[in-house]
Amino acid sequence: MGFFTPAENASNFINVGLKKTTEKPIKIFLLAVMAGAFIAITGSGVGVATHAITNASLSKLIGGLIFPCGLTMVILAGSELFTGNMLISISCLEKKSKWSGMIKNLVIVYLGNFVGSILVVWILSIGKQWDLSSGLLGAMTIKTAVAKVSLPFVSVLMLGIMCNFLICIAVWIASAAKDAAGKVIGLFLPVAFMIFCGFEHCIANMYFIPAGIFALNNPEYVNKAIELGVNVDKLSWGTFITNNLIPATIGNIIGGFCIGLVYWAVYLKKNKTFIENKKSERETA
């Protein structure tokens, strides 16, 4: 069989969670930096591919076809992504890993993802990648960032829940596959749907919004963004954190934990109860 059954997959996550919560912090951090860079580079690719497309649906379609490359690199290259690591909860619910270990892992990974993202943003700003199309890419980078920080808190929260519902499903499916091709195919559609639907991914936003903030330093980008009707005054590090990063992160945590809870309850807790009942029946007999 070329894949693990859902029950086998759930059991595999017990040891995966244990390894992630007991690994050396510096190793986790470095792998998290790599994952943040992978997602940021993919975000950059989405921007390059879609910045001149005026049709919103087509833009999301193209972006959705590109963005799964980020999670592909995360999984196949072996790195640590905050959103996917919410599935450590399976191991914690099974009492094989400690909740304190999961929290420690998530904090380290979150910081590492942020560092990796910002490094990519800084490199691209120095390399003047956003000069593409006479600065239109820079203007659209600002526009994207402003749109994200302009959403209501509750909207970002709800979109964040749906985002990590799909990301964790993608990781779950990829983990079930036993070969690289199966992993890539398995994760592709859930991640693509996440972009199609405009859901909010806190790690991806560590690229999209800081990129817009860095782009504000170039008057040419700013002027073009204003011509596009963008209110650049809405964009700052403060609005990034309070209007988007916080609600997106909370939503991603909720969405990811729900996936871990459901699959633990269905494939591990249920099986344990069944075994215990059988054991009780034998002892009674």
Protein backbone atom coordinates (compact mmCIF):
# COMPACT_ATOMS: atom_id res chain seq x y z
CA MET A 1 0.00 0.00 0.00
CA GLY A 2 1.40 3.40 -1.00
CA PHE A 3 -0.05 5.28 1.96
CA PHE A 4 -0.79 4.94 5.66
CA THR A 5 -4.39 4.46 6.69
CA PRO A 6 -5.88 7.33 8.76
CA ALA A 7 -5.50 5.24 11.94
CA GLU A 8 -1.86 4.46 11.12
CA ASN A 9 -1.24 8.10 10.27
CA ALA A 10 -2.67 9.20 13.59
CA SER A 11 -0.36 6.76 15.39
CA ASN A 12 2.63 8.07 13.45
CA PHE A 13 1.92 11.59 14.67
CA ILE A 14 2.43 10.42 18.26
CA ASN A 15 6.14 9.85 17.65
CA VAL A 16 6.42 12.88 15.36
CA GLY A 17 5.10 15.08 18.16
CA LEU A 18 7.41 13.47 20.70
CA LYS A 19 10.44 14.09 18.50
CA LYS A 20 9.50 17.70 17.84
CA THR A 21 8.96 18.47 21.53
CA THR A 22 12.25 16.91 22.66
CA GLU A 23 14.56 18.11 19.87
CA LYS A 24 17.34 20.60 20.63
CA PRO A 25 15.98 24.20 20.50
CA ILE A 26 18.75 25.47 18.21
CA LYS A 27 17.99 22.74 15.67
CA ILE A 28 14.28 23.55 15.79
CA PHE A 29 15.02 27.26 15.39
CA LEU A 30 17.28 26.81 12.37
CA LEU A 31 14.77 24.53 10.66
CA ALA A 32 12.07 27.12 11.43
CA VAL A 33 14.15 29.85 9.80
CA MET A 34 14.35 27.67 6.71
CA ALA A 35 10.58 27.12 6.68
CA GLY A 36 9.94 30.85 7.06
CA ALA A 37 12.25 31.50 4.13
CA PHE A 38 10.53 28.82 2.00
CA ILE A 39 7.10 30.36 2.61
CA ALA A 40 8.40 33.90 2.01
CA ILE A 41 10.08 32.94 -1.26
CA THR A 42 6.84 31.32 -2.38
CA GLY A 43 4.95 34.48 -1.40
CA SER A 44 7.39 36.47 -3.49
CA GLY A 45 6.74 34.15 -6.42
CA VAL A 46 3.00 34.65 -6.06
CA GLY A 47 3.51 38.43 -6.14
CA VAL A 48 5.68 38.30 -9.25
CA ALA A 49 3.24 36.02 -11.07
CA THR A 50 0.06 37.96 -10.21
CA HIS A 51 1.02 41.63 -9.81
CA ALA A 52 -0.07 42.63 -13.33
CA ILE A 53 -3.30 40.58 -13.34
CA THR A 54 -6.33 42.83 -12.80
CA ASN A 55 -8.91 40.05 -12.59
CA ALA A 56 -9.14 39.05 -8.90
CA SER A 57 -10.35 35.51 -9.57
CA LEU A 58 -7.60 34.80 -12.08
CA SER A 59 -5.01 36.30 -9.73
CA LYS A 60 -6.10 34.00 -6.91
CA LEU A 61 -6.13 31.03 -9.26
CA ILE A 62 -2.53 31.66 -10.36
CA GLY A 63 -1.46 32.31 -6.78
CA GLY A 64 -3.13 29.12 -5.62
CA LEU A 65 -1.27 27.07 -8.21
CA ILE A 66 2.06 28.50 -7.03
CA PHE A 67 1.73 28.61 -3.25
CA PRO A 68 1.73 24.83 -2.60
CA CYS A 69 5.42 24.94 -3.58
CA GLY A 70 6.10 26.50 -0.17
CA LEU A 71 4.68 23.63 1.87
CA THR A 72 6.31 21.17 -0.55
CA MET A 73 9.71 22.62 0.35
CA VAL A 74 8.84 22.63 4.06
CA ILE A 75 7.87 18.95 4.07
CA LEU A 76 10.37 17.44 1.63
CA ALA A 77 13.36 19.52 2.75
CA GLY A 78 12.60 18.85 6.41
CA SER A 79 11.81 22.04 8.28
CA GLU A 80 9.57 23.42 11.01
CA LEU A 81 6.42 25.39 10.20
CA PHE A 82 4.32 26.90 13.01
CA THR A 83 0.94 26.16 11.48
CA GLY A 84 1.64 22.54 10.60
CA ASN A 85 3.16 21.92 14.04
CA MET A 86 -0.25 22.38 15.62
CA LEU A 87 -0.65 18.66 14.89
CA ILE A 88 1.76 18.03 17.78
CA SER A 89 -1.48 18.26 19.75
CA ILE A 90 -2.23 14.65 18.74
CA SER A 91 0.81 13.45 20.66
CA CYS A 92 -0.09 15.66 23.64
CA LEU A 93 -3.70 14.46 23.72
CA GLU A 94 -2.36 10.91 23.69
CA LYS A 95 -0.17 11.91 26.68
CA LYS A 96 3.04 10.92 24.92
CA SER A 97 4.28 14.52 24.67
CA LYS A 98 3.97 17.34 27.18
CA TRP A 99 1.85 20.41 26.48
CA SER A 100 4.72 22.52 27.80
CA GLY A 101 6.96 20.92 25.17
CA MET A 102 4.46 21.74 22.44
CA ILE A 103 4.21 25.37 23.57
CA LYS A 104 8.00 25.64 23.69
CA ASN A 105 8.27 24.20 20.19
CA LEU A 106 5.60 26.54 18.80
CA VAL A 107 7.23 29.64 20.32
CA ILE A 108 10.66 28.74 18.93
CA VAL A 109 9.23 27.84 15.52
CA TYR A 110 7.12 31.01 15.36
CA LEU A 111 10.17 33.18 16.03
CA GLY A 112 12.28 31.20 13.57
CA ASN A 113 9.62 31.48 10.87
CA PHE A 114 9.51 35.24 11.43
CA VAL A 115 13.29 35.56 11.14
CA GLY A 116 13.33 33.53 7.93
CA SER A 117 10.56 35.63 6.42
CA ILE A 118 12.16 38.95 7.32
CA LEU A 119 15.52 37.81 5.94
CA VAL A 120 13.88 37.12 2.58
CA VAL A 121 12.06 40.48 2.66
CA TRP A 122 15.32 42.28 3.42
CA ILE A 123 17.24 40.47 0.66
CA LEU A 124 14.52 41.21 -1.91
CA SER A 125 14.38 44.87 -0.91
CA ILE A 126 18.15 45.23 -1.33
CA GLY A 127 17.98 43.33 -4.62
CA LYS A 128 15.23 45.67 -5.86
CA GLN A 129 13.06 42.81 -7.02
CA TRP A 130 9.99 45.02 -6.62
CA ASP A 131 11.22 47.31 -9.44
CA LEU A 132 9.60 44.82 -11.82
CA SER A 133 7.11 46.37 -14.29
CA SER A 134 8.47 49.86 -13.62
CA GLY A 135 7.72 49.55 -9.91
CA LEU A 136 4.22 48.10 -10.30
CA LEU A 137 5.26 45.02 -8.32
CA GLY A 138 6.33 47.29 -5.46
CA ALA A 139 3.02 49.15 -5.59
CA MET A 140 1.03 45.92 -5.60
CA THR A 141 3.14 44.62 -2.72
CA ILE A 142 2.04 47.66 -0.73
CA LYS A 143 -1.57 47.23 -1.87
CA THR A 144 -1.65 43.62 -0.72
CA ALA A 145 -0.23 44.52 2.67
CA VAL A 146 -2.69 47.40 3.16
CA ALA A 147 -5.62 45.13 2.24
CA LYS A 148 -4.55 42.60 4.87
CA VAL A 149 -4.18 45.14 7.71
CA SER A 150 -7.52 46.75 6.77
CA LEU A 151 -9.60 43.64 7.49
CA PRO A 152 -11.67 43.59 10.72
CA PHE A 153 -10.12 41.64 13.61
CA VAL A 154 -12.92 39.04 13.64
CA SER A 155 -12.66 38.53 9.88
CA VAL A 156 -8.93 37.78 10.11
CA LEU A 157 -9.59 35.46 13.06
CA MET A 158 -12.21 33.44 11.17
CA LEU A 159 -10.15 33.36 7.97
CA GLY A 160 -7.21 32.22 10.09
CA ILE A 161 -9.22 29.30 11.46
CA MET A 162 -10.16 28.18 7.97
CA CYS A 163 -6.59 28.63 6.77
CA ASN A 164 -5.01 26.24 9.22
CA PHE A 165 -7.90 23.83 8.89
CA LEU A 166 -6.67 23.37 5.32
CA ILE A 167 -2.93 23.59 6.05
CA CYS A 168 -3.16 20.87 8.69
CA ILE A 169 -5.30 18.75 6.37
CA ALA A 170 -2.56 19.20 3.76
CA VAL A 171 0.12 18.11 6.25
CA TRP A 172 -2.07 15.20 7.36
CA ILE A 173 -2.55 13.96 3.79
CA ALA A 174 1.12 14.45 2.89
CA SER A 175 2.15 12.50 5.99
CA ALA A 176 -0.06 9.62 4.91
CA ALA A 177 1.86 9.23 1.65
CA LYS A 178 4.93 6.97 1.62
CA ASP A 179 6.69 8.58 -1.34
CA ALA A 180 7.61 12.12 -2.38
CA ALA A 181 5.21 12.25 -5.32
CA GLY A 182 2.31 11.22 -3.11
CA LYS A 183 3.17 13.88 -0.55
CA VAL A 184 3.27 16.64 -3.17
CA ILE A 185 0.04 15.55 -4.81
CA GLY A 186 -1.67 15.15 -1.45
CA LEU A 187 -0.84 18.60 -0.11
CA PHE A 188 -1.45 20.48 -3.36
CA LEU A 189 -5.22 21.00 -3.39
CA PRO A 190 -5.77 21.95 0.28
CA VAL A 191 -3.03 24.59 0.07
CA ALA A 192 -4.32 25.82 -3.28
CA PHE A 193 -7.83 26.14 -1.85
CA MET A 194 -6.41 28.15 1.04
CA ILE A 195 -5.16 30.76 -1.45
CA PHE A 196 -8.23 30.54 -3.71
CA CYS A 197 -10.46 31.37 -0.75
CA GLY A 198 -8.29 34.21 0.59
CA PHE A 199 -7.70 32.67 4.02
CA GLU A 200 -5.15 34.21 6.41
CA HIS A 201 -1.89 32.37 7.11
CA CYS A 202 0.15 34.06 9.84
CA ILE A 203 3.51 32.84 8.51
CA ALA A 204 2.75 33.81 4.91
CA ASN A 205 1.69 37.22 6.22
CA MET A 206 5.12 37.55 7.81
CA TYR A 207 6.22 38.00 4.21
CA PHE A 208 3.31 39.77 2.55
CA ILE A 209 2.89 42.57 5.09
CA PRO A 210 6.54 43.30 6.02
CA ALA A 211 7.30 43.30 2.26
CA GLY A 212 4.73 46.08 1.88
CA ILE A 213 6.24 47.95 4.83
CA PHE A 214 9.74 47.72 3.34
CA ALA A 215 8.34 48.84 -0.02
CA LEU A 216 7.08 52.05 1.63
CA ASN A 217 10.72 53.22 1.72
CA ASN A 218 10.66 53.63 -2.06
CA PRO A 219 8.78 56.81 -3.17
CA GLU A 220 8.19 55.34 -6.64
CA TYR A 221 6.32 52.35 -5.21
CA VAL A 222 4.36 54.60 -2.85
CA ASN A 223 3.29 56.99 -5.60
CA LYS A 224 2.14 54.14 -7.82
CA ALA A 225 0.24 52.60 -4.90
CA ILE A 226 -1.51 55.92 -4.25
CA GLU A 227 -2.44 56.08 -7.95
CA LEU A 228 -4.06 52.67 -7.46
CA GLY A 229 -6.20 54.15 -4.67
CA VAL A 230 -4.26 52.65 -1.79
CA ASN A 231 -4.31 54.42 1.58
CA VAL A 232 -0.67 53.86 2.50
CA ASP A 233 -1.14 55.53 5.90
CA LYS A 234 -2.87 52.37 7.13
CA LEU A 235 0.30 50.31 6.82
CA SER A 236 2.78 50.15 9.71
CA TRP A 237 4.45 47.63 12.00
CA GLY A 238 1.75 48.40 14.56
CA THR A 239 -1.17 47.64 12.24
CA PHE A 240 0.65 44.55 11.00
CA ILE A 241 0.82 43.13 14.52
CA THR A 242 -2.53 44.23 15.96
CA ASN A 243 -4.77 44.09 12.88
CA ASN A 244 -3.43 40.94 11.25
CA LEU A 245 -0.67 38.95 12.92
CA ILE A 246 -2.41 38.52 16.28
CA PRO A 247 -5.87 37.49 14.98
CA ALA A 248 -4.37 35.36 12.18
CA THR A 249 -2.14 33.54 14.68
CA ILE A 250 -5.00 32.92 17.10
CA GLY A 251 -7.18 31.67 14.25
CA ASN A 252 -4.43 29.40 12.93
CA ILE A 253 -3.98 27.92 16.41
CA ILE A 254 -7.70 27.21 16.76
CA GLY A 255 -8.01 25.71 13.28
CA GLY A 256 -4.96 23.50 13.68
CA PHE A 257 -5.90 22.30 17.16
CA CYS A 258 -9.38 21.34 15.94
CA ILE A 259 -7.86 19.06 13.28
CA GLY A 260 -5.57 17.40 15.83
CA LEU A 261 -8.42 16.97 18.30
CA VAL A 262 -10.79 15.40 15.78
CA TYR A 263 -8.28 12.89 14.40
CA TRP A 264 -7.07 11.97 17.88
CA ALA A 265 -10.65 11.45 19.08
CA VAL A 266 -11.63 9.37 16.06
CA TYR A 267 -8.54 7.22 15.49
CA LEU A 268 -6.74 7.04 18.85
CA LYS A 269 -9.15 7.70 21.72
CA LYS A 270 -11.88 5.60 20.09
CA ASN A 271 -9.50 2.68 19.48
CA LYS A 272 -8.20 2.87 23.04
CA THR A 273 -11.74 2.76 24.43
CA PHE A 274 -12.54 -0.23 22.19
CA ILE A 275 -9.46 -2.11 23.42
CA GLU A 276 -10.23 -1.31 27.06
CA ASN A 277 -13.83 -2.52 26.64
CA LYS A 278 -12.63 -5.78 25.08
CA LYS A 279 -10.16 -6.26 27.92
CA SER A 280 -12.91 -5.65 30.47
CA GLU A 281 -15.19 -8.17 28.73
CA ARG A 282 -12.46 -10.85 28.84
CA GLU A 283 -11.78 -10.23 32.55
CA THR A 284 -15.52 -10.42 33.34
CA ALA A 285 -15.86 -13.68 31.41
